[in-house]
């Protein structure tokens, strides 16, 4: 096998396609050159490595990528080591709230361990973050966990987050049962405010409604969970959201726990073997119970 062909395949797999690789590779090379050399690599191996449209690695492509990933992902770091440096980089994705309110202390400690650490922080909600992970655009993410992880991704939980309703304090509703009864009787007039359709919170709630033969489509969908608090506070309707440890709600609204839906799990997700920086971050997040109120037990 030609090592340069393997390097080109690494970047194509990492960035989710040839054109994406052209835009994001650390040196200039044109699309036809990459396409031709990847075809040579496939001919040499006698297998198809990925589907072009839409991009998806084949089983052989996944196997080859996992084999070459440890080398090509650490080439720059090893070069810094040989030059006597300790430069490290990390691309981390997480929700805005986590990046703003919970991670600065963790990342401050991480920079003490790795003084030359270069951090790239990307804010996004769960579907977007998982897409970045699958396209290898981020190294590691803090996000809501799916029940089954995508091939090649590793995940550990760090917190359980119950799903709740938010209602104005003037609302007559005191329980989930009251709300479901109002939906059943056709007397529920308040609009539903929730995250967009692809998110786990509305997905789990739709499953609860379906089990009871009910339907309550949202009238207001938002892309940031904090907007739900704001719109409930301003009397736009009932919010469907997560009970986040340590979060202080406006005094004009209260929460109603939905006991019939299991809590969602917030966790750390990464691909392949973690670098020393990634492992340090994972270890720090395992002790997040020092700053948050409702941790769950983690595997050692």
Foldseek 3Di string as FASTA:
>chain_A
DDVVLLLLLLLCQQQQAQVSSCVPPPDHDDSVVNVVSVVVVCVVVVHDQFDHVRTDGDPVVVVSNLVCVVPNVCVVCVVCVVVVHREEEFEEEEAPCCVPPPCPVLVVVLCVVRVNYHYHYHHFADVVVLVCQSSNVGFKYWYWDDPDDDPQKDKWFWFWWFKKKKAFPPDPDDAPVVVLVCQVVVNDPFAEEEADDVHPQVVQVVVVQVVVVGDHDHPHHDGHQVVQLVCNLVVNGMYIHIDFFPDDGPPRMDIYTDVVGGTITIIMMGGHDDDPSRVSSRVSSNVSVVPGPGTDHIDD
